[in-house]
Amino acid sequence: MTTEPGKRGRPPSPEKREAIVAAALEAFARQGVDAATTREIAAAAGTTERTLFKHFGSKQGLVQAALAAAVRVTFRQPAFDGLREDMSAGDFVAWHRDFLAERAQAAARSPEMIRLLLAEILRDAGFRESLKAAWMSDVFTPLARRIGRLRASAFFSLNLGYIITSAVLAPEGAWAPEADAAEIAGLFATLGVP
């Protein structure tokens, strides 16, 4: 059985690929990309480095696959459902508050993943374009339909600015995600939510 011209062996298993990605995400979040080794990631996934490289080609390929998987999962979480729902202005403010508090807490639990995502966005144009396409279709466009393009830009500027600042740039600050999110949602509401 041949996987590619000139290569022998079984074709890559989707289940094994998922196990490797899951192990990589855990290792990267816990240790950072530089400290996590492909050997320990493969062992945690119950496979070998050879299989890991068969699936991803390199550690960099694994990093990008892991980030892409994490982003896909994030965009499909129930918290993002509010982007597509019709709701009153008051319901939108409550959803915004809860959404931002949950996203800020998730970022605080895994600041290394936020740093890694930002670095890959800046470093790799192909990865940036892929992420941009997913973000535009799954996140920005549904919100822009609901509240308008300029308000959607303001929404993401406020939210992403807070998340990056509290999780990456100044994590030692006295952040209170729930209280901060309520204040940001209230501030955003002054723009007038349709």
N, C-alpha and C. Protein backbone atom coordinates (compact mmCIF):
# COMPACT_ATOMS: atom_id res chain seq x y z
N MET A 1 0.84 -1.18 0.00
CA MET A 1 0.00 0.00 0.00
C MET A 1 0.89 1.24 0.00
N THR A 2 0.61 2.23 -0.83
CA THR A 2 1.45 3.41 -0.95
C THR A 2 0.66 4.65 -0.56
N THR A 3 1.29 5.55 0.23
CA THR A 3 0.63 6.79 0.63
C THR A 3 0.84 7.89 -0.38
N GLU A 4 2.04 7.99 -0.94
CA GLU A 4 2.37 8.98 -1.96
C GLU A 4 3.32 8.29 -2.92
N PRO A 5 3.45 8.81 -4.13
CA PRO A 5 4.41 8.20 -5.05
C PRO A 5 5.79 8.14 -4.41
N GLY A 6 6.39 6.95 -4.43
CA GLY A 6 7.73 6.80 -3.88
C GLY A 6 7.77 6.54 -2.40
N LYS A 7 6.63 6.55 -1.69
CA LYS A 7 6.60 6.30 -0.25
C LYS A 7 5.84 5.02 0.02
N ARG A 8 6.37 4.23 0.94
CA ARG A 8 5.71 2.98 1.31
C ARG A 8 5.00 3.14 2.63
N GLY A 9 4.11 2.20 2.89
CA GLY A 9 3.45 2.18 4.19
C GLY A 9 1.96 2.42 4.06
N ARG A 10 1.32 2.36 5.22
CA ARG A 10 -0.13 2.59 5.27
C ARG A 10 -0.43 4.07 5.11
N PRO A 11 -1.61 4.38 4.59
CA PRO A 11 -1.97 5.81 4.51
C PRO A 11 -2.17 6.37 5.91
N PRO A 12 -1.95 7.67 6.08
CA PRO A 12 -2.15 8.28 7.39
C PRO A 12 -3.58 8.09 7.91
N SER A 13 -3.71 7.79 9.18
CA SER A 13 -5.00 7.56 9.81
C SER A 13 -5.57 8.88 10.35
N PRO A 14 -6.83 9.22 9.99
CA PRO A 14 -7.44 10.44 10.54
C PRO A 14 -7.52 10.42 12.06
N GLU A 15 -7.77 9.25 12.64
CA GLU A 15 -7.85 9.14 14.10
C GLU A 15 -6.50 9.42 14.74
N LYS A 16 -5.44 8.90 14.14
CA LYS A 16 -4.09 9.14 14.67
C LYS A 16 -3.74 10.62 14.55
N ARG A 17 -4.12 11.21 13.41
CA ARG A 17 -3.85 12.64 13.21
C ARG A 17 -4.54 13.46 14.30
N GLU A 18 -5.80 13.15 14.59
CA GLU A 18 -6.53 13.87 15.64
C GLU A 18 -5.87 13.68 17.00
N ALA A 19 -5.41 12.48 17.29
CA ALA A 19 -4.74 12.22 18.57
C ALA A 19 -3.44 13.03 18.68
N ILE A 20 -2.71 13.11 17.60
CA ILE A 20 -1.46 13.89 17.61
C ILE A 20 -1.76 15.37 17.81
N VAL A 21 -2.76 15.89 17.11
CA VAL A 21 -3.13 17.30 17.25
C VAL A 21 -3.56 17.60 18.69
N ALA A 22 -4.37 16.73 19.27
CA ALA A 22 -4.82 16.92 20.66
C ALA A 22 -3.63 16.92 21.61
N ALA A 23 -2.72 15.99 21.44
CA ALA A 23 -1.53 15.92 22.30
C ALA A 23 -0.66 17.16 22.11
N ALA A 24 -0.55 17.63 20.87
CA ALA A 24 0.25 18.82 20.60
C ALA A 24 -0.36 20.06 21.25
N LEU A 25 -1.66 20.21 21.14
CA LEU A 25 -2.32 21.36 21.75
C LEU A 25 -2.08 21.38 23.26
N GLU A 26 -2.22 20.23 23.88
CA GLU A 26 -1.99 20.16 25.32
C GLU A 26 -0.54 20.50 25.66
N ALA A 27 0.40 19.92 24.93
CA ALA A 27 1.83 20.18 25.19
C ALA A 27 2.18 21.64 24.92
N PHE A 28 1.69 22.20 23.84
CA PHE A 28 2.01 23.60 23.51
C PHE A 28 1.43 24.54 24.55
N ALA A 29 0.22 24.29 24.99
CA ALA A 29 -0.41 25.15 25.99
C ALA A 29 0.30 25.03 27.34
N ARG A 30 0.74 23.85 27.68
CA ARG A 30 1.39 23.60 28.97
C ARG A 30 2.83 24.08 28.99
N GLN A 31 3.59 23.81 27.93
CA GLN A 31 5.03 24.05 27.93
C GLN A 31 5.49 25.13 26.97
N GLY A 32 4.67 25.47 26.00
CA GLY A 32 5.11 26.34 24.93
C GLY A 32 5.64 25.50 23.79
N VAL A 33 5.67 26.06 22.61
CA VAL A 33 6.08 25.32 21.42
C VAL A 33 7.54 24.90 21.49
N ASP A 34 8.40 25.81 21.90
CA ASP A 34 9.83 25.50 21.90
C ASP A 34 10.18 24.37 22.86
N ALA A 35 9.54 24.33 24.01
CA ALA A 35 9.87 23.31 25.01
C ALA A 35 9.22 21.95 24.71
N ALA A 36 8.10 21.96 24.05
CA ALA A 36 7.41 20.70 23.73
C ALA A 36 8.16 20.00 22.60
N THR A 37 8.46 18.74 22.79
CA THR A 37 9.18 18.00 21.75
C THR A 37 8.23 17.12 20.96
N THR A 38 8.61 16.85 19.72
CA THR A 38 7.79 15.98 18.89
C THR A 38 7.79 14.56 19.45
N ARG A 39 8.86 14.17 20.08
CA ARG A 39 8.93 12.83 20.69
C ARG A 39 7.89 12.68 21.79
N GLU A 40 7.81 13.67 22.69
CA GLU A 40 6.83 13.55 23.78
C GLU A 40 5.40 13.72 23.27
N ILE A 41 5.19 14.53 22.24
CA ILE A 41 3.86 14.68 21.66
C ILE A 41 3.42 13.35 21.04
N ALA A 42 4.33 12.72 20.29
CA ALA A 42 4.01 11.43 19.67
C ALA A 42 3.70 10.39 20.74
N ALA A 43 4.50 10.35 21.79
CA ALA A 43 4.27 9.38 22.87
C ALA A 43 2.91 9.61 23.53
N ALA A 44 2.57 10.89 23.78
CA ALA A 44 1.28 11.20 24.40
C ALA A 44 0.11 10.79 23.50
N ALA A 45 0.34 10.80 22.19
CA ALA A 45 -0.69 10.40 21.24
C ALA A 45 -0.69 8.90 20.97
N GLY A 46 0.24 8.20 21.61
CA GLY A 46 0.31 6.75 21.42
C GLY A 46 0.87 6.34 20.08
N THR A 47 1.84 7.12 19.59
CA THR A 47 2.43 6.81 18.29
C THR A 47 3.92 7.14 18.31
N THR A 48 4.51 7.19 17.15
CA THR A 48 5.95 7.47 17.03
C THR A 48 6.17 8.81 16.35
N GLU A 49 7.40 9.32 16.50
CA GLU A 49 7.75 10.54 15.79
C GLU A 49 7.64 10.34 14.28
N ARG A 50 7.99 9.18 13.82
CA ARG A 50 7.92 8.89 12.38
C ARG A 50 6.49 9.10 11.87
N THR A 51 5.52 8.59 12.63
CA THR A 51 4.11 8.77 12.24
C THR A 51 3.72 10.24 12.32
N LEU A 52 4.18 10.93 13.35
CA LEU A 52 3.90 12.35 13.49
C LEU A 52 4.38 13.11 12.24
N PHE A 53 5.63 12.84 11.84
CA PHE A 53 6.19 13.54 10.68
C PHE A 53 5.52 13.09 9.38
N LYS A 54 5.02 11.86 9.34
CA LYS A 54 4.29 11.38 8.17
C LYS A 54 3.02 12.21 7.97
N HIS A 55 2.39 12.57 9.08
CA HIS A 55 1.16 13.36 9.02
C HIS A 55 1.41 14.84 8.77
N PHE A 56 2.46 15.40 9.41
CA PHE A 56 2.61 16.86 9.43
C PHE A 56 3.88 17.38 8.75
N GLY A 57 4.80 16.51 8.42
CA GLY A 57 6.01 16.92 7.72
C GLY A 57 7.08 17.52 8.60
N SER A 58 6.69 18.35 9.54
CA SER A 58 7.64 19.03 10.42
C SER A 58 6.92 19.49 11.69
N LYS A 59 7.69 19.95 12.64
CA LYS A 59 7.08 20.49 13.86
C LYS A 59 6.26 21.72 13.51
N GLN A 60 6.75 22.54 12.58
CA GLN A 60 6.01 23.73 12.16
C GLN A 60 4.68 23.35 11.53
N GLY A 61 4.66 22.28 10.74
CA GLY A 61 3.40 21.80 10.17
C GLY A 61 2.43 21.36 11.25
N LEU A 62 2.97 20.74 12.29
CA LEU A 62 2.14 20.33 13.43
C LEU A 62 1.60 21.55 14.17
N VAL A 63 2.43 22.55 14.38
CA VAL A 63 2.00 23.78 15.06
C VAL A 63 0.81 24.38 14.31
N GLN A 64 0.95 24.52 13.01
CA GLN A 64 -0.14 25.12 12.24
C GLN A 64 -1.40 24.27 12.23
N ALA A 65 -1.24 22.96 12.14
CA ALA A 65 -2.41 22.07 12.17
C ALA A 65 -3.11 22.16 13.53
N ALA A 66 -2.32 22.22 14.60
CA ALA A 66 -2.90 22.32 15.94
C ALA A 66 -3.63 23.64 16.12
N LEU A 67 -3.03 24.73 15.68
CA LEU A 67 -3.70 26.03 15.77
C LEU A 67 -4.97 26.08 14.94
N ALA A 68 -4.91 25.55 13.74
CA ALA A 68 -6.10 25.54 12.87
C ALA A 68 -7.23 24.74 13.52
N ALA A 69 -6.89 23.61 14.12
CA ALA A 69 -7.91 22.79 14.80
C ALA A 69 -8.50 23.54 15.99
N ALA A 70 -7.64 24.19 16.76
CA ALA A 70 -8.13 24.95 17.93
C ALA A 70 -9.05 26.08 17.51
N VAL A 71 -8.70 26.76 16.44
CA VAL A 71 -9.53 27.86 15.94
C VAL A 71 -10.88 27.34 15.45
N ARG A 72 -10.86 26.24 14.68
CA ARG A 72 -12.13 25.66 14.20
C ARG A 72 -13.04 25.30 15.36
N VAL A 73 -12.49 24.67 16.38
CA VAL A 73 -13.28 24.29 17.56
C VAL A 73 -13.82 25.54 18.24
N THR A 74 -12.99 26.55 18.40
CA THR A 74 -13.41 27.78 19.07
C THR A 74 -14.55 28.45 18.33
N PHE A 75 -14.45 28.57 17.01
CA PHE A 75 -15.48 29.25 16.23
C PHE A 75 -16.80 28.51 16.26
N ARG A 76 -16.80 27.24 16.62
CA ARG A 76 -18.03 26.46 16.64
C ARG A 76 -18.57 26.23 18.05
N GLN A 77 -17.97 26.88 19.04
CA GLN A 77 -18.46 26.74 20.41
C GLN A 77 -19.80 27.47 20.56
N PRO A 78 -20.62 27.02 21.50
CA PRO A 78 -21.92 27.66 21.70
C PRO A 78 -21.84 29.16 21.95
N ALA A 79 -20.75 29.64 22.54
CA ALA A 79 -20.61 31.07 22.80
C ALA A 79 -20.71 31.88 21.51
N PHE A 80 -20.29 31.32 20.40
CA PHE A 80 -20.32 32.03 19.12
C PHE A 80 -21.70 32.00 18.46
N ASP A 81 -22.62 31.21 18.98
CA ASP A 81 -23.96 31.13 18.39
C ASP A 81 -24.66 32.48 18.40
N GLY A 82 -24.37 33.30 19.39
CA GLY A 82 -25.00 34.62 19.48
C GLY A 82 -24.69 35.52 18.30
N LEU A 83 -23.62 35.23 17.59
CA LEU A 83 -23.28 36.02 16.41
C LEU A 83 -24.34 35.87 15.32
N ARG A 84 -25.02 34.74 15.34
CA ARG A 84 -25.96 34.43 14.27
C ARG A 84 -27.43 34.57 14.70
N GLU A 85 -27.65 34.80 15.96
CA GLU A 85 -29.03 34.86 16.48
C GLU A 85 -29.59 36.27 16.42
N ASP A 86 -30.89 36.33 16.25
CA ASP A 86 -31.59 37.59 16.33
C ASP A 86 -31.98 37.80 17.79
N MET A 87 -31.62 38.94 18.35
CA MET A 87 -31.95 39.19 19.75
C MET A 87 -32.14 40.68 19.97
N SER A 88 -32.80 41.00 21.06
CA SER A 88 -33.03 42.40 21.40
C SER A 88 -31.70 43.03 21.81
N ALA A 89 -31.68 44.36 21.89
CA ALA A 89 -30.47 45.08 22.28
C ALA A 89 -30.03 44.64 23.68
N GLY A 90 -30.96 44.48 24.60
CA GLY A 90 -30.62 44.06 25.96
C GLY A 90 -30.05 42.65 25.99
N ASP A 91 -30.66 41.76 25.21
CA ASP A 91 -30.13 40.40 25.13
C ASP A 91 -28.74 40.39 24.50
N PHE A 92 -28.52 41.25 23.51
CA PHE A 92 -27.21 41.32 22.87
C PHE A 92 -26.15 41.78 23.86
N VAL A 93 -26.47 42.77 24.67
CA VAL A 93 -25.52 43.27 25.67
C VAL A 93 -25.19 42.16 26.67
N ALA A 94 -26.19 41.41 27.10
CA ALA A 94 -25.95 40.30 28.04
C ALA A 94 -25.10 39.22 27.37
N TRP A 95 -25.43 38.89 26.11
CA TRP A 95 -24.62 37.90 25.40
C TRP A 95 -23.19 38.39 25.25
N HIS A 96 -22.99 39.66 24.88
CA HIS A 96 -21.65 40.23 24.71
C HIS A 96 -20.86 40.13 26.01
N ARG A 97 -21.48 40.48 27.11
CA ARG A 97 -20.82 40.42 28.42
C ARG A 97 -20.35 38.99 28.71
N ASP A 98 -21.25 38.03 28.55
CA ASP A 98 -20.92 36.63 28.84
C ASP A 98 -19.87 36.09 27.86
N PHE A 99 -19.99 36.46 26.59
CA PHE A 99 -19.06 36.02 25.56
C PHE A 99 -17.65 36.52 25.86
N LEU A 100 -17.51 37.80 26.16
CA LEU A 100 -16.19 38.36 26.41
C LEU A 100 -15.59 37.80 27.69
N ALA A 101 -16.38 37.66 28.74
CA ALA A 101 -15.85 37.09 29.99
C ALA A 101 -15.34 35.67 29.76
N GLU A 102 -16.09 34.86 29.03
CA GLU A 102 -15.68 33.48 28.78
C GLU A 102 -14.42 33.42 27.90
N ARG A 103 -14.35 34.25 26.86
CA ARG A 103 -13.18 34.27 25.97
C ARG A 103 -11.95 34.77 26.73
N ALA A 104 -12.11 35.77 27.59
CA ALA A 104 -10.98 36.29 28.37
C ALA A 104 -10.47 35.23 29.35
N GLN A 105 -11.37 34.50 29.99
CA GLN A 105 -10.96 33.44 30.91
C GLN A 105 -10.25 32.31 30.16
N ALA A 106 -10.75 31.96 28.97
CA ALA A 106 -10.10 30.92 28.16
C ALA A 106 -8.70 31.36 27.76
N ALA A 107 -8.53 32.61 27.38
CA ALA A 107 -7.21 33.13 26.99
C ALA A 107 -6.27 33.16 28.19
N ALA A 108 -6.78 33.51 29.35
CA ALA A 108 -5.94 33.54 30.56
C ALA A 108 -5.47 32.14 30.95
N ARG A 109 -6.27 31.12 30.66
CA ARG A 109 -5.87 29.74 30.95
C ARG A 109 -4.79 29.25 30.00
N SER A 110 -4.70 29.86 28.82
CA SER A 110 -3.76 29.38 27.81
C SER A 110 -3.10 30.54 27.05
N PRO A 111 -2.39 31.42 27.76
CA PRO A 111 -1.78 32.56 27.07
C PRO A 111 -0.74 32.15 26.03
N GLU A 112 -0.08 31.01 26.24
CA GLU A 112 0.91 30.55 25.26
C GLU A 112 0.24 30.30 23.91
N MET A 113 -0.97 29.79 23.91
CA MET A 113 -1.66 29.54 22.64
C MET A 113 -2.01 30.86 21.95
N ILE A 114 -2.36 31.88 22.72
CA ILE A 114 -2.65 33.19 22.14
C ILE A 114 -1.38 33.77 21.52
N ARG A 115 -0.27 33.69 22.25
CA ARG A 115 1.02 34.17 21.72
C ARG A 115 1.37 33.43 20.43
N LEU A 116 1.22 32.12 20.46
CA LEU A 116 1.54 31.29 19.30
C LEU A 116 0.65 31.65 18.11
N LEU A 117 -0.62 31.83 18.35
CA LEU A 117 -1.54 32.20 17.28
C LEU A 117 -1.15 33.54 16.67
N LEU A 118 -0.88 34.52 17.52
CA LEU A 118 -0.47 35.84 17.03
C LEU A 118 0.83 35.76 16.23
N ALA A 119 1.79 34.99 16.72
CA ALA A 119 3.07 34.84 16.03
C ALA A 119 2.88 34.21 14.66
N GLU A 120 2.06 33.17 14.58
CA GLU A 120 1.83 32.50 13.29
C GLU A 120 1.07 33.39 12.33
N ILE A 121 0.14 34.18 12.83
CA ILE A 121 -0.58 35.12 11.97
C ILE A 121 0.40 36.10 11.33
N LEU A 122 1.34 36.59 12.12
CA LEU A 122 2.32 37.54 11.61
C LEU A 122 3.39 36.88 10.74
N ARG A 123 3.77 35.66 11.05
CA ARG A 123 4.87 34.98 10.39
C ARG A 123 4.51 34.33 9.06
N ASP A 124 3.31 33.75 8.97
CA ASP A 124 3.00 32.91 7.82
C ASP A 124 1.77 33.44 7.08
N ALA A 125 2.01 33.97 5.88
CA ALA A 125 0.92 34.56 5.09
C ALA A 125 -0.14 33.53 4.72
N GLY A 126 0.26 32.30 4.42
CA GLY A 126 -0.71 31.26 4.07
C GLY A 126 -1.62 30.93 5.24
N PHE A 127 -1.03 30.79 6.42
CA PHE A 127 -1.81 30.52 7.62
C PHE A 127 -2.74 31.71 7.90
N ARG A 128 -2.22 32.93 7.78
CA ARG A 128 -3.01 34.14 8.02
C ARG A 128 -4.22 34.18 7.09
N GLU A 129 -4.03 33.86 5.81
CA GLU A 129 -5.13 33.88 4.84
C GLU A 129 -6.17 32.80 5.16
N SER A 130 -5.71 31.64 5.57
CA SER A 130 -6.62 30.55 5.93
C SER A 130 -7.45 30.94 7.15
N LEU A 131 -6.80 31.49 8.16
CA LEU A 131 -7.51 31.93 9.37
C LEU A 131 -8.47 33.06 9.04
N LYS A 132 -8.01 33.98 8.22
CA LYS A 132 -8.86 35.12 7.83
C LYS A 132 -10.14 34.63 7.15
N ALA A 133 -10.02 33.67 6.25
CA ALA A 133 -11.19 33.15 5.54
C ALA A 133 -12.18 32.52 6.52
N ALA A 134 -11.67 31.72 7.46
CA ALA A 134 -12.55 31.08 8.45
C ALA A 134 -13.18 32.14 9.36
N TRP A 135 -12.37 33.10 9.81
CA TRP A 135 -12.87 34.14 10.71
C TRP A 135 -13.94 34.99 10.02
N MET A 136 -13.69 35.37 8.78
CA MET A 136 -14.66 36.20 8.06
C MET A 136 -15.99 35.46 7.89
N SER A 137 -15.95 34.19 7.49
CA SER A 137 -17.20 33.48 7.24
C SER A 137 -17.92 33.05 8.52
N ASP A 138 -17.16 32.62 9.52
CA ASP A 138 -17.78 32.06 10.73
C ASP A 138 -18.05 33.09 11.82
N VAL A 139 -17.32 34.21 11.81
CA VAL A 139 -17.41 35.13 12.94
C VAL A 139 -17.78 36.55 12.50
N PHE A 140 -16.93 37.18 11.71
CA PHE A 140 -17.13 38.60 11.40
C PHE A 140 -18.39 38.86 10.57
N THR A 141 -18.56 38.12 9.47
CA THR A 141 -19.70 38.37 8.58
C THR A 141 -21.05 38.18 9.28
N PRO A 142 -21.24 37.10 10.06
CA PRO A 142 -22.53 36.99 10.75
C PRO A 142 -22.80 38.15 11.72
N LEU A 143 -21.76 38.61 12.42
CA LEU A 143 -21.96 39.73 13.33
C LEU A 143 -22.20 41.02 12.56
N ALA A 144 -21.47 41.23 11.47
CA ALA A 144 -21.65 42.44 10.66
C ALA A 144 -23.07 42.50 10.09
N ARG A 145 -23.64 41.35 9.72
CA ARG A 145 -25.02 41.33 9.24
C ARG A 145 -25.98 41.78 10.34
N ARG A 146 -25.65 41.44 11.56
CA ARG A 146 -26.52 41.75 12.69
C ARG A 146 -26.41 43.20 13.13
N ILE A 147 -25.17 43.72 13.23
CA ILE A 147 -24.99 45.05 13.82
C ILE A 147 -24.32 46.06 12.89
N GLY A 148 -23.96 45.66 11.70
CA GLY A 148 -23.29 46.57 10.76
C GLY A 148 -21.78 46.40 10.80
N ARG A 149 -21.17 46.70 9.68
CA ARG A 149 -19.73 46.46 9.51
C ARG A 149 -18.88 47.29 10.47
N LEU A 150 -19.16 48.58 10.62
CA LEU A 150 -18.35 49.43 11.49
C LEU A 150 -18.52 49.03 12.96
N ARG A 151 -19.74 48.73 13.37
CA ARG A 151 -19.95 48.28 14.75
C ARG A 151 -19.28 46.93 14.99
N ALA A 152 -19.31 46.04 14.00
CA ALA A 152 -18.64 44.74 14.15
C ALA A 152 -17.14 44.95 14.31
N SER A 153 -16.56 45.89 13.56
CA SER A 153 -15.14 46.19 13.71
C SER A 153 -14.85 46.72 15.10
N ALA A 154 -15.71 47.61 15.59
CA ALA A 154 -15.53 48.14 16.95
C ALA A 154 -15.67 47.03 17.99
N PHE A 155 -16.63 46.15 17.80
CA PHE A 155 -16.85 45.02 18.71
C PHE A 155 -15.57 44.19 18.85
N PHE A 156 -14.99 43.80 17.70
CA PHE A 156 -13.80 42.96 17.75
C PHE A 156 -12.58 43.72 18.23
N SER A 157 -12.49 45.00 17.92
CA SER A 157 -11.37 45.80 18.42
C SER A 157 -11.38 45.86 19.94
N LEU A 158 -12.54 46.13 20.50
CA LEU A 158 -12.66 46.19 21.97
C LEU A 158 -12.37 44.82 22.60
N ASN A 159 -12.99 43.78 22.07
CA ASN A 159 -12.85 42.46 22.66
C ASN A 159 -11.44 41.91 22.51
N LEU A 160 -10.90 41.93 21.29
CA LEU A 160 -9.56 41.39 21.07
C LEU A 160 -8.51 42.20 21.80
N GLY A 161 -8.68 43.52 21.83
CA GLY A 161 -7.74 44.35 22.58
C GLY A 161 -7.70 43.97 24.05
N TYR A 162 -8.86 43.77 24.63
CA TYR A 162 -8.93 43.37 26.04
C TYR A 162 -8.31 41.99 26.25
N ILE A 163 -8.67 41.04 25.42
CA ILE A 163 -8.17 39.66 25.58
C ILE A 163 -6.66 39.61 25.44
N ILE A 164 -6.12 40.24 24.41
CA ILE A 164 -4.66 40.21 24.20
C ILE A 164 -3.94 40.94 25.32
N THR A 165 -4.46 42.07 25.74
CA THR A 165 -3.83 42.82 26.83
C THR A 165 -3.84 42.03 28.13
N SER A 166 -5.00 41.48 28.48
CA SER A 166 -5.11 40.79 29.78
C SER A 166 -4.41 39.44 29.81
N ALA A 167 -4.35 38.74 28.67
CA ALA A 167 -3.75 37.40 28.66
C ALA A 167 -2.28 37.40 28.27
N VAL A 168 -1.85 38.36 27.44
CA VAL A 168 -0.50 38.30 26.88
C VAL A 168 0.35 39.50 27.26
N LEU A 169 -0.12 40.71 27.02
CA LEU A 169 0.71 41.88 27.22
C LEU A 169 0.89 42.27 28.68
N ALA A 170 -0.15 42.16 29.46
CA ALA A 170 -0.07 42.57 30.87
C ALA A 170 -0.86 41.64 31.77
N PRO A 171 -0.54 40.34 31.77
CA PRO A 171 -1.33 39.39 32.56
C PRO A 171 -1.25 39.63 34.07
N GLU A 172 -0.23 40.34 34.51
CA GLU A 172 -0.10 40.59 35.94
C GLU A 172 -1.04 41.69 36.43
N GLY A 173 -1.78 42.31 35.53
CA GLY A 173 -2.74 43.35 35.91
C GLY A 173 -3.87 42.79 36.75
N ALA A 174 -4.57 43.65 37.39
CA ALA A 174 -5.69 43.24 38.24
C ALA A 174 -6.94 43.10 37.38
N TRP A 175 -6.96 42.07 36.54
CA TRP A 175 -8.07 41.85 35.63
C TRP A 175 -9.20 41.12 36.34
N ALA A 176 -10.41 41.50 36.04
CA ALA A 176 -11.61 40.85 36.57
C ALA A 176 -12.51 40.58 35.37
N PRO A 177 -12.31 39.45 34.68
CA PRO A 177 -12.99 39.22 33.41
C PRO A 177 -14.49 39.47 33.41
N GLU A 178 -15.19 39.04 34.44
CA GLU A 178 -16.64 39.23 34.43
C GLU A 178 -17.02 40.69 34.58
N ALA A 179 -16.39 41.39 35.54
CA ALA A 179 -16.68 42.81 35.74
C ALA A 179 -16.20 43.64 34.54
N ASP A 180 -15.00 43.32 34.05
CA ASP A 180 -14.47 44.04 32.88
C ASP A 180 -15.37 43.83 31.67
N ALA A 181 -15.83 42.59 31.47
CA ALA A 181 -16.69 42.30 30.33
C ALA A 181 -18.00 43.06 30.43
N ALA A 182 -18.55 43.16 31.62
CA ALA A 182 -19.79 43.92 31.80
C ALA A 182 -19.58 45.39 31.45
N GLU A 183 -18.45 45.94 31.86
CA GLU A 183 -18.16 47.34 31.55
C GLU A 183 -17.94 47.55 30.05
N ILE A 184 -17.21 46.64 29.41
CA ILE A 184 -16.97 46.74 27.97
C ILE A 184 -18.28 46.58 27.20
N ALA A 185 -19.12 45.63 27.60
CA ALA A 185 -20.41 45.42 26.92
C ALA A 185 -21.29 46.66 27.09
N GLY A 186 -21.26 47.27 28.27
CA GLY A 186 -22.01 48.50 28.48
C GLY A 186 -21.50 49.64 27.63
N LEU A 187 -20.19 49.76 27.54
CA LEU A 187 -19.58 50.78 26.70
C LEU A 187 -19.96 50.57 25.23
N PHE A 188 -19.88 49.32 24.79
CA PHE A 188 -20.24 49.01 23.40
C PHE A 188 -21.73 49.33 23.16
N ALA A 189 -22.56 49.07 24.13
CA ALA A 189 -24.00 49.33 23.97
C ALA A 189 -24.28 50.80 23.71
N THR A 190 -23.39 51.68 24.18
CA THR A 190 -23.61 53.12 23.94
C THR A 190 -23.48 53.47 22.44
N LEU A 191 -22.87 52.57 21.67
CA LEU A 191 -22.80 52.77 20.21
C LEU A 191 -24.16 52.54 19.56
N GLY A 192 -25.06 51.93 20.30
CA GLY A 192 -26.39 51.63 19.77
C GLY A 192 -26.39 50.31 19.04
N VAL A 193 -26.94 49.30 19.68
CA VAL A 193 -27.00 47.96 19.09
C VAL A 193 -28.38 47.79 18.49
N PRO A 194 -28.43 47.52 17.18
CA PRO A 194 -29.75 47.36 16.54
C PRO A 194 -30.46 46.10 17.01
